[in-house]
């Protein structure tokens, strides 16, 4: 009966993560939790209004602003009595 000795090379099974990777992972998780918190605390109307305001703020001049306002008005039609045109 022969005995065989096995020698292992000193390599770790799991290498420790770099600090940059850990920092990126922490910031990603923190951003995701922030978005979830915002989603749960704000109403749908508030989020929609914030989206529309941000969209309108991206306009470059008055004509672009008016175009974007008409575009939003067409996307979200209101009853005639809310527009002021039904007098």
PDB file of N, CA and C in Angstrom:
ATOM      1  N   UNK A   1       0.814  -1.146   0.000  1.00  0.00           N
ATOM      2  CA  UNK A   1       0.000   0.000   0.000  1.00  0.00           C
ATOM      3  C   UNK A   1       0.880   1.239   0.000  1.00  0.00           C
ATOM      4  N   UNK A   2       0.658   2.075  -0.977  1.00  0.00           N
ATOM      5  CA  UNK A   2       1.481   3.276  -1.051  1.00  0.00           C
ATOM      6  C   UNK A   2       0.652   4.481  -0.629  1.00  0.00           C
ATOM      7  N   UNK A   3       1.271   5.375  -0.003  1.00  0.00           N
ATOM      8  CA  UNK A   3       0.588   6.603   0.411  1.00  0.00           C
ATOM      9  C   UNK A   3       1.036   7.739  -0.498  1.00  0.00           C
ATOM     10  N   UNK A   4       0.086   8.503  -0.891  1.00  0.00           N
ATOM     11  CA  UNK A   4       0.369   9.633  -1.761  1.00  0.00           C
ATOM     12  C   UNK A   4       0.123  10.917  -0.982  1.00  0.00           C
ATOM     13  N   UNK A   5       1.069  11.776  -1.061  1.00  0.00           N
ATOM     14  CA  UNK A   5       0.874  13.058  -0.384  1.00  0.00           C
ATOM     15  C   UNK A   5       0.436  14.088  -1.426  1.00  0.00           C
ATOM     16  N   UNK A   6      -0.528  14.861  -1.033  1.00  0.00           N
ATOM     17  CA  UNK A   6      -1.050  15.903  -1.913  1.00  0.00           C
ATOM     18  C   UNK A   6      -0.612  17.246  -1.344  1.00  0.00           C
ATOM     19  N   UNK A   7      -0.018  18.024  -2.176  1.00  0.00           N
ATOM     20  CA  UNK A   7       0.385  19.358  -1.744  1.00  0.00           C
ATOM     21  C   UNK A   7      -0.451  20.384  -2.497  1.00  0.00           C
ATOM     22  N   UNK A   8      -0.917  21.340  -1.784  1.00  0.00           N
ATOM     23  CA  UNK A   8      -1.737  22.401  -2.372  1.00  0.00           C
ATOM     24  C   UNK A   8      -0.898  23.655  -2.525  1.00  0.00           C
ATOM     25  N   UNK A   9      -1.123  24.313  -3.600  1.00  0.00           N
ATOM     26  CA  UNK A   9      -0.470  25.598  -3.794  1.00  0.00           C
ATOM     27  C   UNK A   9      -1.235  26.619  -2.962  1.00  0.00           C
ATOM     28  N   UNK A  10      -0.557  27.508  -2.362  1.00  0.00           N
ATOM     29  CA  UNK A  10      -1.179  28.469  -1.447  1.00  0.00           C
ATOM     30  C   UNK A  10      -1.927  29.550  -2.240  1.00  0.00           C
ATOM     31  N   UNK A  11      -3.111  29.197  -2.748  1.00  0.00           N
ATOM     32  CA  UNK A  11      -3.958  30.171  -3.438  1.00  0.00           C
ATOM     33  C   UNK A  11      -5.280  30.232  -2.695  1.00  0.00           C
ATOM     34  N   UNK A  12      -5.724  31.426  -2.404  1.00  0.00           N
ATOM     35  CA  UNK A  12      -7.008  31.528  -1.704  1.00  0.00           C
ATOM     36  C   UNK A  12      -8.162  31.174  -2.642  1.00  0.00           C
ATOM     37  N   UNK A  13      -9.169  30.580  -2.074  1.00  0.00           N
ATOM     38  CA  UNK A  13     -10.329  30.200  -2.861  1.00  0.00           C
ATOM     39  C   UNK A  13     -11.097  31.454  -3.279  1.00  0.00           C
ATOM     40  N   UNK A  14     -11.261  32.370  -2.356  1.00  0.00           N
ATOM     41  CA  UNK A  14     -11.936  33.626  -2.636  1.00  0.00           C
ATOM     42  C   UNK A  14     -10.951  34.750  -2.415  1.00  0.00           C
ATOM     43  N   UNK A  15     -10.739  35.543  -3.430  1.00  0.00           N
ATOM     44  CA  UNK A  15      -9.850  36.684  -3.253  1.00  0.00           C
ATOM     45  C   UNK A  15     -10.663  37.841  -2.685  1.00  0.00           C
ATOM     46  N   UNK A  16     -10.099  38.609  -1.814  1.00  0.00           N
ATOM     47  CA  UNK A  16     -10.856  39.720  -1.228  1.00  0.00           C
ATOM     48  C   UNK A  16     -11.178  40.768  -2.291  1.00  0.00           C
ATOM     49  N   UNK A  17     -12.348  41.369  -2.171  1.00  0.00           N
ATOM     50  CA  UNK A  17     -12.774  42.364  -3.148  1.00  0.00           C
ATOM     51  C   UNK A  17     -12.002  43.659  -2.944  1.00  0.00           C
ATOM     52  N   UNK A  18     -11.770  44.336  -4.026  1.00  0.00           N
ATOM     53  CA  UNK A  18     -11.070  45.608  -3.926  1.00  0.00           C
ATOM     54  C   UNK A  18     -11.989  46.646  -3.300  1.00  0.00           C
ATOM     55  N   UNK A  19     -11.404  47.667  -2.720  1.00  0.00           N
ATOM     56  CA  UNK A  19     -12.204  48.687  -2.038  1.00  0.00           C
ATOM     57  C   UNK A  19     -13.039  49.480  -3.036  1.00  0.00           C
ATOM     58  N   UNK A  20     -12.570  49.645  -4.272  1.00  0.00           N
ATOM     59  CA  UNK A  20     -13.344  50.357  -5.282  1.00  0.00           C
ATOM     60  C   UNK A  20     -14.610  49.579  -5.635  1.00  0.00           C
ATOM     61  N   UNK A  21     -14.476  48.259  -5.737  1.00  0.00           N
ATOM     62  CA  UNK A  21     -15.643  47.434  -6.035  1.00  0.00           C
ATOM     63  C   UNK A  21     -16.666  47.521  -4.910  1.00  0.00           C
ATOM     64  N   UNK A  22     -16.210  47.467  -3.692  1.00  0.00           N
ATOM     65  CA  UNK A  22     -17.110  47.544  -2.539  1.00  0.00           C
ATOM     66  C   UNK A  22     -17.787  48.910  -2.502  1.00  0.00           C
ATOM     67  N   UNK A  23     -17.037  49.978  -2.772  1.00  0.00           N
ATOM     68  CA  UNK A  23     -17.620  51.317  -2.771  1.00  0.00           C
ATOM     69  C   UNK A  23     -18.674  51.455  -3.860  1.00  0.00           C
ATOM     70  N   UNK A  24     -18.402  50.905  -5.045  1.00  0.00           N
ATOM     71  CA  UNK A  24     -19.385  50.944  -6.129  1.00  0.00           C
ATOM     72  C   UNK A  24     -20.638  50.152  -5.775  1.00  0.00           C
ATOM     73  N   UNK A  25     -20.455  49.007  -5.165  1.00  0.00           N
ATOM     74  CA  UNK A  25     -21.599  48.181  -4.784  1.00  0.00           C
ATOM     75  C   UNK A  25     -22.442  48.891  -3.727  1.00  0.00           C
ATOM     76  N   UNK A  26     -21.786  49.512  -2.769  1.00  0.00           N
ATOM     77  CA  UNK A  26     -22.515  50.223  -1.718  1.00  0.00           C
ATOM     78  C   UNK A  26     -23.275  51.407  -2.304  1.00  0.00           C
ATOM     79  N   UNK A  27     -22.654  52.151  -3.211  1.00  0.00           N
ATOM     80  CA  UNK A  27     -23.338  53.305  -3.805  1.00  0.00           C
ATOM     81  C   UNK A  27     -24.509  52.862  -4.675  1.00  0.00           C
ATOM     82  N   UNK A  28     -24.374  51.736  -5.364  1.00  0.00           N
ATOM     83  CA  UNK A  28     -25.469  51.220  -6.187  1.00  0.00           C
ATOM     84  C   UNK A  28     -26.648  50.797  -5.319  1.00  0.00           C
ATOM     85  N   UNK A  29     -26.375  50.109  -4.242  1.00  0.00           N
ATOM     86  CA  UNK A  29     -27.445  49.681  -3.330  1.00  0.00           C
ATOM     87  C   UNK A  29     -28.090  50.895  -2.678  1.00  0.00           C
ATOM     88  N   UNK A  30     -27.297  51.872  -2.296  1.00  0.00           N
ATOM     89  CA  UNK A  30     -27.833  53.084  -1.668  1.00  0.00           C
ATOM     90  C   UNK A  30     -28.730  53.837  -2.649  1.00  0.00           C
ATOM     91  N   UNK A  31     -28.322  53.941  -3.917  1.00  0.00           N
ATOM     92  CA  UNK A  31     -29.142  54.623  -4.919  1.00  0.00           C
ATOM     93  C   UNK A  31     -30.449  53.866  -5.169  1.00  0.00           C
ATOM     94  N   UNK A  32     -30.369  52.542  -5.208  1.00  0.00           N
ATOM     95  CA  UNK A  32     -31.576  51.746  -5.420  1.00  0.00           C
ATOM     96  C   UNK A  32     -32.543  51.912  -4.249  1.00  0.00           C
ATOM     97  N   UNK A  33     -32.040  51.905  -3.044  1.00  0.00           N
ATOM     98  CA  UNK A  33     -32.905  52.097  -1.879  1.00  0.00           C
ATOM     99  C   UNK A  33     -33.508  53.498  -1.864  1.00  0.00           C
ATOM    100  N   UNK A  34     -32.755  54.475  -2.316  1.00  0.00           N
ATOM    101  CA  UNK A  34     -33.278  55.837  -2.390  1.00  0.00           C
ATOM    102  C   UNK A  34     -34.424  55.919  -3.393  1.00  0.00           C
ATOM    103  N   UNK A  35     -34.271  55.265  -4.555  1.00  0.00           N
ATOM    104  CA  UNK A  35     -35.342  55.264  -5.549  1.00  0.00           C
ATOM    105  C   UNK A  35     -36.581  54.532  -5.027  1.00  0.00           C
ATOM    106  N   UNK A  36     -36.380  53.441  -4.318  1.00  0.00           N
ATOM    107  CA  UNK A  36     -37.521  52.706  -3.756  1.00  0.00           C
ATOM    108  C   UNK A  36     -38.228  53.566  -2.715  1.00  0.00           C
ATOM    109  N   UNK A  37     -37.464  54.245  -1.874  1.00  0.00           N
ATOM    110  CA  UNK A  37     -38.055  55.116  -0.849  1.00  0.00           C
ATOM    111  C   UNK A  37     -38.843  56.249  -1.509  1.00  0.00           C
ATOM    112  N   UNK A  38     -38.295  56.848  -2.557  1.00  0.00           N
ATOM    113  CA  UNK A  38     -38.984  57.917  -3.267  1.00  0.00           C
ATOM    114  C   UNK A  38     -40.262  57.391  -3.894  1.00  0.00           C
ATOM    115  N   UNK A  39     -40.193  56.211  -4.478  1.00  0.00           N
ATOM    116  CA  UNK A  39     -41.378  55.622  -5.106  1.00  0.00           C
ATOM    117  C   UNK A  39     -42.476  55.377  -4.080  1.00  0.00           C
ATOM    118  N   UNK A  40     -42.107  54.920  -2.900  1.00  0.00           N
ATOM    119  CA  UNK A  40     -43.101  54.593  -1.883  1.00  0.00           C
ATOM    120  C   UNK A  40     -43.656  55.825  -1.184  1.00  0.00           C
ATOM    121  N   UNK A  41     -42.892  56.895  -1.108  1.00  0.00           N
ATOM    122  CA  UNK A  41     -43.345  58.071  -0.361  1.00  0.00           C
ATOM    123  C   UNK A  41     -44.065  59.091  -1.233  1.00  0.00           C
ATOM    124  N   UNK A  42     -43.800  59.127  -2.527  1.00  0.00           N
ATOM    125  CA  UNK A  42     -44.432  60.122  -3.386  1.00  0.00           C
ATOM    126  C   UNK A  42     -45.637  59.525  -4.094  1.00  0.00           C
ATOM    127  N   UNK A  43     -46.631  60.372  -4.313  1.00  0.00           N
ATOM    128  CA  UNK A  43     -47.814  59.912  -5.037  1.00  0.00           C
ATOM    129  C   UNK A  43     -47.525  59.879  -6.534  1.00  0.00           C
ATOM    130  N   UNK A  44     -48.374  59.222  -7.257  1.00  0.00           N
ATOM    131  CA  UNK A  44     -48.205  59.120  -8.708  1.00  0.00           C
ATOM    132  C   UNK A  44     -48.333  60.496  -9.360  1.00  0.00           C
ATOM    133  N   UNK A  45     -49.234  61.333  -8.845  1.00  0.00           N
ATOM    134  CA  UNK A  45     -49.401  62.675  -9.411  1.00  0.00           C
ATOM    135  C   UNK A  45     -48.148  63.507  -9.203  1.00  0.00           C
ATOM    136  N   UNK A  46     -47.534  63.377  -8.034  1.00  0.00           N
ATOM    137  CA  UNK A  46     -46.317  64.138  -7.751  1.00  0.00           C
ATOM    138  C   UNK A  46     -45.182  63.701  -8.671  1.00  0.00           C
ATOM    139  N   UNK A  47     -45.027  62.405  -8.891  1.00  0.00           N
ATOM    140  CA  UNK A  47     -43.979  61.911  -9.784  1.00  0.00           C
ATOM    141  C   UNK A  47     -44.225  62.361 -11.214  1.00  0.00           C
ATOM    142  N   UNK A  48     -45.494  62.322 -11.647  1.00  0.00           N
ATOM    143  CA  UNK A  48     -45.812  62.749 -13.004  1.00  0.00           C
ATOM    144  C   UNK A  48     -45.542  64.240 -13.184  1.00  0.00           C
ATOM    145  N   UNK A  49     -45.904  65.043 -12.190  1.00  0.00           N
ATOM    146  CA  UNK A  49     -45.652  66.477 -12.262  1.00  0.00           C
ATOM    147  C   UNK A  49     -44.159  66.770 -12.290  1.00  0.00           C
ATOM    148  N   UNK A  50     -43.391  66.053 -11.490  1.00  0.00           N
ATOM    149  CA  UNK A  50     -41.940  66.247 -11.484  1.00  0.00           C
ATOM    150  C   UNK A  50     -41.332  65.871 -12.832  1.00  0.00           C
ATOM    151  N   UNK A  51     -41.839  64.797 -13.441  1.00  0.00           N
ATOM    152  CA  UNK A  51     -41.359  64.402 -14.778  1.00  0.00           C
ATOM    153  C   UNK A  51     -41.671  65.484 -15.802  1.00  0.00           C
ATOM    154  N   UNK A  52     -42.906  65.999 -15.774  1.00  0.00           N
ATOM    155  CA  UNK A  52     -43.290  67.019 -16.743  1.00  0.00           C
ATOM    156  C   UNK A  52     -42.479  68.296 -16.554  1.00  0.00           C
ATOM    157  N   UNK A  53     -42.242  68.707 -15.307  1.00  0.00           N
ATOM    158  CA  UNK A  53     -41.447  69.902 -15.057  1.00  0.00           C
ATOM    159  C   UNK A  53     -40.017  69.731 -15.548  1.00  0.00           C
ATOM    160  N   UNK A  54     -39.452  68.563 -15.321  1.00  0.00           N
ATOM    161  CA  UNK A  54     -38.089  68.313 -15.802  1.00  0.00           C
ATOM    162  C   UNK A  54     -38.053  68.318 -17.322  1.00  0.00           C
ATOM    163  N   UNK A  55     -39.081  67.759 -17.949  1.00  0.00           N
ATOM    164  CA  UNK A  55     -39.150  67.740 -19.408  1.00  0.00           C
ATOM    165  C   UNK A  55     -39.258  69.157 -19.962  1.00  0.00           C
ATOM    166  N   UNK A  56     -40.080  69.987 -19.322  1.00  0.00           N
ATOM    167  CA  UNK A  56     -40.235  71.360 -19.790  1.00  0.00           C
ATOM    168  C   UNK A  56     -38.974  72.184 -19.547  1.00  0.00           C
ATOM    169  N   UNK A  57     -38.239  71.881 -18.495  1.00  0.00           N
ATOM    170  CA  UNK A  57     -37.009  72.625 -18.199  1.00  0.00           C
ATOM    171  C   UNK A  57     -35.912  72.361 -19.218  1.00  0.00           C
ATOM    172  N   UNK A  58     -36.026  71.292 -19.978  1.00  0.00           N
ATOM    173  CA  UNK A  58     -35.017  70.979 -20.985  1.00  0.00           C
ATOM    174  C   UNK A  58     -35.194  71.777 -22.272  1.00  0.00           C
ATOM    175  N   UNK A  59     -36.254  72.573 -22.353  1.00  0.00           N
ATOM    176  CA  UNK A  59     -36.482  73.341 -23.580  1.00  0.00           C
ATOM    177  C   UNK A  59     -35.389  74.393 -23.746  1.00  0.00           C
ATOM    178  N   UNK A  60     -35.069  74.673 -25.001  1.00  0.00           N
ATOM    179  CA  UNK A  60     -33.953  75.581 -25.283  1.00  0.00           C
ATOM    180  C   UNK A  60     -34.408  77.009 -25.566  1.00  0.00           C
ATOM    181  N   UNK A  61     -35.651  77.184 -26.011  1.00  0.00           N
ATOM    182  CA  UNK A  61     -36.168  78.525 -26.232  1.00  0.00           C
ATOM    183  C   UNK A  61     -37.683  78.508 -26.038  1.00  0.00           C
ATOM    184  N   UNK A  62     -38.292  79.653 -26.258  1.00  0.00           N
ATOM    185  CA  UNK A  62     -39.719  79.786 -26.001  1.00  0.00           C
ATOM    186  C   UNK A  62     -40.542  78.882 -26.913  1.00  0.00           C
ATOM    187  N   UNK A  63     -40.139  78.772 -28.164  1.00  0.00           N
ATOM    188  CA  UNK A  63     -40.900  77.964 -29.118  1.00  0.00           C
ATOM    189  C   UNK A  63     -40.820  76.477 -28.771  1.00  0.00           C
ATOM    190  N   UNK A  64     -39.662  76.056 -28.328  1.00  0.00           N
ATOM    191  CA  UNK A  64     -39.508  74.660 -27.891  1.00  0.00           C
ATOM    192  C   UNK A  64     -40.351  74.408 -26.646  1.00  0.00           C
ATOM    193  N   UNK A  65     -40.387  75.391 -25.738  1.00  0.00           N
ATOM    194  CA  UNK A  65     -41.207  75.260 -24.530  1.00  0.00           C
ATOM    195  C   UNK A  65     -42.679  75.141 -24.893  1.00  0.00           C
ATOM    196  N   UNK A  66     -43.148  76.002 -25.810  1.00  0.00           N
ATOM    197  CA  UNK A  66     -44.554  75.940 -26.218  1.00  0.00           C
ATOM    198  C   UNK A  66     -44.877  74.619 -26.918  1.00  0.00           C
ATOM    199  N   UNK A  67     -43.943  74.121 -27.726  1.00  0.00           N
ATOM    200  CA  UNK A  67     -44.147  72.834 -28.386  1.00  0.00           C
ATOM    201  C   UNK A  67     -44.269  71.719 -27.358  1.00  0.00           C
ATOM    202  N   UNK A  68     -43.383  71.735 -26.371  1.00  0.00           N
ATOM    203  CA  UNK A  68     -43.425  70.695 -25.341  1.00  0.00           C
ATOM    204  C   UNK A  68     -44.704  70.790 -24.511  1.00  0.00           C
ATOM    205  N   UNK A  69     -45.157  72.001 -24.237  1.00  0.00           N
ATOM    206  CA  UNK A  69     -46.406  72.164 -23.485  1.00  0.00           C
ATOM    207  C   UNK A  69     -47.591  71.613 -24.271  1.00  0.00           C
ATOM    208  N   UNK A  70     -47.638  71.891 -25.575  1.00  0.00           N
ATOM    209  CA  UNK A  70     -48.718  71.342 -26.409  1.00  0.00           C
ATOM    210  C   UNK A  70     -48.632  69.823 -26.474  1.00  0.00           C
ATOM    211  N   UNK A  71     -47.407  69.318 -26.553  1.00  0.00           N
ATOM    212  CA  UNK A  71     -47.206  67.867 -26.608  1.00  0.00           C
ATOM    213  C   UNK A  71     -47.722  67.193 -25.338  1.00  0.00           C
ATOM    214  N   UNK A  72     -47.438  67.785 -24.190  1.00  0.00           N
ATOM    215  CA  UNK A  72     -47.944  67.225 -22.934  1.00  0.00           C
ATOM    216  C   UNK A  72     -49.452  67.357 -22.843  1.00  0.00           C
ATOM    217  N   UNK A  73     -49.997  68.460 -23.337  1.00  0.00           N
ATOM    218  CA  UNK A  73     -51.445  68.643 -23.304  1.00  0.00           C
ATOM    219  C   UNK A  73     -52.138  67.618 -24.187  1.00  0.00           C
ATOM    220  N   UNK A  74     -51.544  67.303 -25.336  1.00  0.00           N
ATOM    221  CA  UNK A  74     -52.141  66.274 -26.216  1.00  0.00           C
ATOM    222  C   UNK A  74     -52.031  64.888 -25.603  1.00  0.00           C
ATOM    223  N   UNK A  75     -50.962  64.648 -24.855  1.00  0.00           N
ATOM    224  CA  UNK A  75     -50.771  63.322 -24.257  1.00  0.00           C
ATOM    225  C   UNK A  75     -51.706  63.096 -23.078  1.00  0.00           C
ATOM    226  N   UNK A  76     -52.092  64.182 -22.400  1.00  0.00           N
ATOM    227  CA  UNK A  76     -52.966  64.086 -21.229  1.00  0.00           C
ATOM    228  C   UNK A  76     -54.203  64.950 -21.445  1.00  0.00           C
ATOM    229  N   UNK A  77     -55.155  64.497 -22.266  1.00  0.00           N
ATOM    230  CA  UNK A  77     -56.324  65.335 -22.539  1.00  0.00           C
ATOM    231  C   UNK A  77     -57.183  65.518 -21.295  1.00  0.00           C
ATOM    232  N   UNK A  78     -57.767  66.716 -21.177  1.00  0.00           N
ATOM    233  CA  UNK A  78     -58.639  67.028 -20.053  1.00  0.00           C
ATOM    234  C   UNK A  78     -60.050  67.255 -20.580  1.00  0.00           C
ATOM    235  N   UNK A  79     -61.038  67.132 -19.722  1.00  0.00           N
ATOM    236  CA  UNK A  79     -62.408  67.430 -20.154  1.00  0.00           C
ATOM    237  C   UNK A  79     -62.541  68.896 -20.578  1.00  0.00           C
ATOM    238  N   UNK A  80     -63.514  69.181 -21.417  1.00  0.00           N
ATOM    239  CA  UNK A  80     -63.657  70.535 -21.962  1.00  0.00           C
ATOM    240  C   UNK A  80     -63.877  71.572 -20.867  1.00  0.00           C
ATOM    241  N   UNK A  81     -64.566  71.206 -19.782  1.00  0.00           N
ATOM    242  CA  UNK A  81     -64.864  72.172 -18.740  1.00  0.00           C
ATOM    243  C   UNK A  81     -63.638  72.544 -17.910  1.00  0.00           C
ATOM    244  N   UNK A  82     -62.533  71.767 -18.030  1.00  0.00           N
ATOM    245  CA  UNK A  82     -61.308  72.106 -17.300  1.00  0.00           C
ATOM    246  C   UNK A  82     -60.367  72.966 -18.139  1.00  0.00           C
ATOM    247  N   UNK A  83     -60.585  73.040 -19.433  1.00  0.00           N
ATOM    248  CA  UNK A  83     -59.681  73.790 -20.300  1.00  0.00           C
ATOM    249  C   UNK A  83     -60.007  75.269 -20.356  1.00  0.00           C
ATOM    250  N   UNK A  84     -61.233  75.646 -19.996  1.00  0.00           N
ATOM    251  CA  UNK A  84     -61.635  77.038 -20.085  1.00  0.00           C
ATOM    252  C   UNK A  84     -62.179  77.396 -21.454  1.00  0.00           C
ATOM    253  N   UNK A  85     -62.273  76.417 -22.346  1.00  0.00           N
ATOM    254  CA  UNK A  85     -62.763  76.686 -23.695  1.00  0.00           C
ATOM    255  C   UNK A  85     -64.268  76.436 -23.833  1.00  0.00           C
ATOM    256  N   UNK A  86     -64.917  75.933 -22.822  1.00  0.00           N
ATOM    257  CA  UNK A  86     -66.314  75.570 -22.922  1.00  0.00           C
ATOM    258  C   UNK A  86     -67.254  76.682 -22.476  1.00  0.00           C
ATOM    259  N   UNK A  87     -66.807  77.928 -22.483  1.00  0.00           N
ATOM    260  CA  UNK A  87     -67.658  79.036 -22.027  1.00  0.00           C
ATOM    261  C   UNK A  87     -68.708  79.370 -23.014  1.00  0.00           C
TER     262      UNK A  87
END
